[in-house]
């Protein structure tokens, strides 16, 4: 028989404000602590404050591609 108490949920830090967030299905906005923090992060991506690095060189955006 296993009478061990259930493990407490894993805590992660909210990427926006750093508040601890339990990693459970009940945590609606995980990994964020709230809808507000989720929207702040989404806005940062939309404003291109976050960027993914790439080793590829981007082609010129001129539209007059010479071949």
N, C-alpha and C. Protein backbone atom coordinates (compact mmCIF):
# COMPACT_ATOMS: atom_id res chain seq x y z
N UNK A 1 0.83 -1.18 0.00
CA UNK A 1 0.00 0.00 0.00
C UNK A 1 0.88 1.25 0.00
N UNK A 2 0.49 2.23 -0.78
CA UNK A 2 1.28 3.46 -0.89
C UNK A 2 0.54 4.58 -0.18
N UNK A 3 0.97 4.90 1.04
CA UNK A 3 0.32 5.96 1.82
C UNK A 3 1.12 7.25 1.81
N UNK A 4 2.02 7.39 0.85
CA UNK A 4 2.83 8.61 0.77
C UNK A 4 1.94 9.77 0.36
N UNK A 5 2.16 10.93 0.97
CA UNK A 5 1.36 12.10 0.56
C UNK A 5 1.70 12.49 -0.87
N UNK A 6 0.73 13.07 -1.58
CA UNK A 6 1.01 13.49 -2.97
C UNK A 6 2.09 14.56 -3.00
N UNK A 7 2.89 14.52 -4.06
CA UNK A 7 3.95 15.51 -4.22
C UNK A 7 3.34 16.88 -4.50
N UNK A 8 3.94 17.92 -3.96
CA UNK A 8 3.45 19.26 -4.31
C UNK A 8 3.75 19.54 -5.79
N UNK A 9 2.93 20.37 -6.43
CA UNK A 9 3.18 20.64 -7.86
C UNK A 9 4.50 21.38 -8.06
N UNK A 10 5.08 21.14 -9.21
CA UNK A 10 6.32 21.85 -9.58
C UNK A 10 6.00 23.33 -9.75
N UNK A 11 6.88 24.17 -9.25
CA UNK A 11 6.72 25.62 -9.40
C UNK A 11 7.66 26.12 -10.48
N UNK A 12 7.14 26.96 -11.35
CA UNK A 12 7.95 27.62 -12.37
C UNK A 12 7.80 29.12 -12.18
N UNK A 13 8.76 29.86 -12.64
CA UNK A 13 8.68 31.32 -12.53
C UNK A 13 7.96 31.89 -13.74
N UNK A 14 7.07 32.83 -13.51
CA UNK A 14 6.39 33.53 -14.59
C UNK A 14 7.47 34.24 -15.42
N UNK A 15 7.50 34.03 -16.74
CA UNK A 15 8.53 34.67 -17.57
C UNK A 15 8.47 36.19 -17.56
N UNK A 16 7.32 36.76 -17.23
CA UNK A 16 7.17 38.21 -17.26
C UNK A 16 7.54 38.86 -15.93
N UNK A 17 6.97 38.35 -14.83
CA UNK A 17 7.17 39.03 -13.54
C UNK A 17 7.97 38.21 -12.54
N UNK A 18 8.18 36.93 -12.80
CA UNK A 18 8.97 36.10 -11.91
C UNK A 18 8.19 35.46 -10.77
N UNK A 19 6.90 35.72 -10.66
CA UNK A 19 6.08 35.13 -9.60
C UNK A 19 6.03 33.61 -9.77
N UNK A 20 6.11 32.84 -8.66
CA UNK A 20 6.02 31.38 -8.79
C UNK A 20 4.63 30.94 -9.25
N UNK A 21 4.60 30.00 -10.19
CA UNK A 21 3.34 29.50 -10.75
C UNK A 21 3.35 27.98 -10.64
N UNK A 22 2.34 27.38 -10.00
CA UNK A 22 2.29 25.91 -9.94
C UNK A 22 2.01 25.34 -11.34
N UNK A 23 2.76 24.31 -11.72
CA UNK A 23 2.59 23.69 -13.04
C UNK A 23 1.51 22.61 -12.91
N UNK A 24 0.25 23.05 -12.97
CA UNK A 24 -0.89 22.14 -12.86
C UNK A 24 -1.92 22.53 -13.91
N UNK A 25 -2.84 21.61 -14.24
CA UNK A 25 -3.88 21.95 -15.21
C UNK A 25 -4.76 23.12 -14.74
N UNK A 26 -4.83 23.32 -13.43
CA UNK A 26 -5.65 24.42 -12.90
C UNK A 26 -5.01 25.79 -13.14
N UNK A 27 -3.71 25.82 -13.41
CA UNK A 27 -3.02 27.09 -13.67
C UNK A 27 -3.32 27.49 -15.11
N UNK A 28 -4.36 28.25 -15.27
CA UNK A 28 -4.93 28.55 -16.58
C UNK A 28 -3.95 29.22 -17.54
N UNK A 29 -3.08 30.09 -17.05
CA UNK A 29 -2.22 30.88 -17.93
C UNK A 29 -0.78 30.37 -17.95
N UNK A 30 -0.52 29.18 -17.41
CA UNK A 30 0.85 28.70 -17.30
C UNK A 30 1.59 28.77 -18.62
N UNK A 31 2.82 29.11 -18.68
CA UNK A 31 3.74 29.35 -17.57
C UNK A 31 3.59 30.74 -16.95
N UNK A 32 2.63 31.52 -17.42
CA UNK A 32 2.43 32.87 -16.88
C UNK A 32 1.53 32.81 -15.66
N UNK A 33 1.63 33.80 -14.79
CA UNK A 33 0.81 33.82 -13.58
C UNK A 33 -0.58 34.38 -13.85
N UNK A 34 -0.74 35.13 -14.93
CA UNK A 34 -2.03 35.77 -15.20
C UNK A 34 -2.16 36.08 -16.69
N UNK A 35 -3.37 36.40 -17.08
CA UNK A 35 -3.60 36.80 -18.47
C UNK A 35 -2.81 38.08 -18.78
N UNK A 36 -2.70 38.96 -17.81
CA UNK A 36 -1.96 40.22 -18.01
C UNK A 36 -0.51 39.94 -18.40
N UNK A 37 0.16 39.05 -17.64
CA UNK A 37 1.56 38.73 -17.96
C UNK A 37 1.67 38.05 -19.32
N UNK A 38 0.69 37.21 -19.65
CA UNK A 38 0.69 36.55 -20.96
C UNK A 38 0.59 37.59 -22.08
N UNK A 39 -0.29 38.57 -21.92
CA UNK A 39 -0.47 39.60 -22.95
C UNK A 39 0.73 40.54 -23.04
N UNK A 40 1.38 40.81 -21.91
CA UNK A 40 2.60 41.62 -21.95
C UNK A 40 3.65 40.91 -22.79
N UNK A 41 3.81 39.61 -22.59
CA UNK A 41 4.78 38.83 -23.35
C UNK A 41 4.41 38.79 -24.84
N UNK A 42 3.14 38.59 -25.14
CA UNK A 42 2.68 38.57 -26.53
C UNK A 42 2.96 39.91 -27.21
N UNK A 43 2.71 41.00 -26.49
CA UNK A 43 2.99 42.33 -27.03
C UNK A 43 4.48 42.54 -27.30
N UNK A 44 5.33 41.98 -26.44
CA UNK A 44 6.77 42.11 -26.66
C UNK A 44 7.18 41.39 -27.95
N UNK A 45 6.61 40.21 -28.20
CA UNK A 45 6.89 39.51 -29.45
C UNK A 45 6.38 40.31 -30.65
N UNK A 46 5.17 40.87 -30.52
CA UNK A 46 4.58 41.65 -31.62
C UNK A 46 5.41 42.90 -31.92
N UNK A 47 6.01 43.49 -30.89
CA UNK A 47 6.86 44.67 -31.07
C UNK A 47 8.28 44.31 -31.49
N UNK A 48 8.53 43.02 -31.68
CA UNK A 48 9.85 42.49 -32.08
C UNK A 48 10.93 42.81 -31.06
N UNK A 49 10.54 42.85 -29.77
CA UNK A 49 11.56 43.00 -28.72
C UNK A 49 12.29 41.69 -28.49
N UNK A 50 11.66 40.59 -28.85
CA UNK A 50 12.31 39.28 -28.79
C UNK A 50 12.58 38.87 -30.23
N UNK A 51 13.73 38.27 -30.44
CA UNK A 51 14.06 37.79 -31.79
C UNK A 51 14.75 36.45 -31.68
N UNK A 52 14.52 35.62 -32.65
CA UNK A 52 15.20 34.35 -32.74
C UNK A 52 16.44 34.54 -33.60
N UNK A 53 17.56 34.05 -33.10
CA UNK A 53 18.78 34.22 -33.87
C UNK A 53 18.81 33.21 -35.02
N UNK A 54 19.52 33.59 -36.05
CA UNK A 54 19.64 32.74 -37.22
C UNK A 54 21.02 32.91 -37.81
N UNK A 55 21.57 31.82 -38.32
CA UNK A 55 22.86 31.88 -38.98
C UNK A 55 22.71 32.23 -40.46
N UNK A 56 21.50 32.13 -40.97
CA UNK A 56 21.26 32.43 -42.37
C UNK A 56 21.27 33.93 -42.61
N UNK A 57 21.79 34.32 -43.75
CA UNK A 57 21.74 35.73 -44.12
C UNK A 57 20.38 35.99 -44.76
N UNK A 58 19.76 37.07 -44.36
CA UNK A 58 18.46 37.39 -44.92
C UNK A 58 18.63 38.04 -46.29
N UNK A 59 17.77 37.67 -47.23
CA UNK A 59 17.88 38.27 -48.56
C UNK A 59 17.46 39.74 -48.50
N UNK A 60 17.95 40.55 -49.41
CA UNK A 60 17.53 41.95 -49.44
C UNK A 60 16.02 42.05 -49.68
N UNK A 61 15.41 43.06 -49.11
CA UNK A 61 13.96 43.22 -49.23
C UNK A 61 13.59 44.14 -50.38
N UNK A 62 14.47 44.33 -51.33
CA UNK A 62 14.23 45.32 -52.38
C UNK A 62 13.17 44.89 -53.39
N UNK A 63 12.89 43.68 -53.61
CA UNK A 63 11.90 43.29 -54.60
C UNK A 63 12.47 43.27 -56.01
N UNK A 64 13.59 43.94 -56.28
CA UNK A 64 14.27 43.89 -57.57
C UNK A 64 15.46 42.97 -57.43
N UNK A 65 15.17 41.69 -57.40
CA UNK A 65 16.23 40.70 -57.23
C UNK A 65 17.02 40.57 -58.53
N UNK A 66 18.30 40.76 -58.48
CA UNK A 66 19.13 40.57 -59.67
C UNK A 66 19.62 39.14 -59.68
N UNK A 67 19.62 38.57 -60.88
CA UNK A 67 20.03 37.16 -61.00
C UNK A 67 21.28 37.01 -61.78
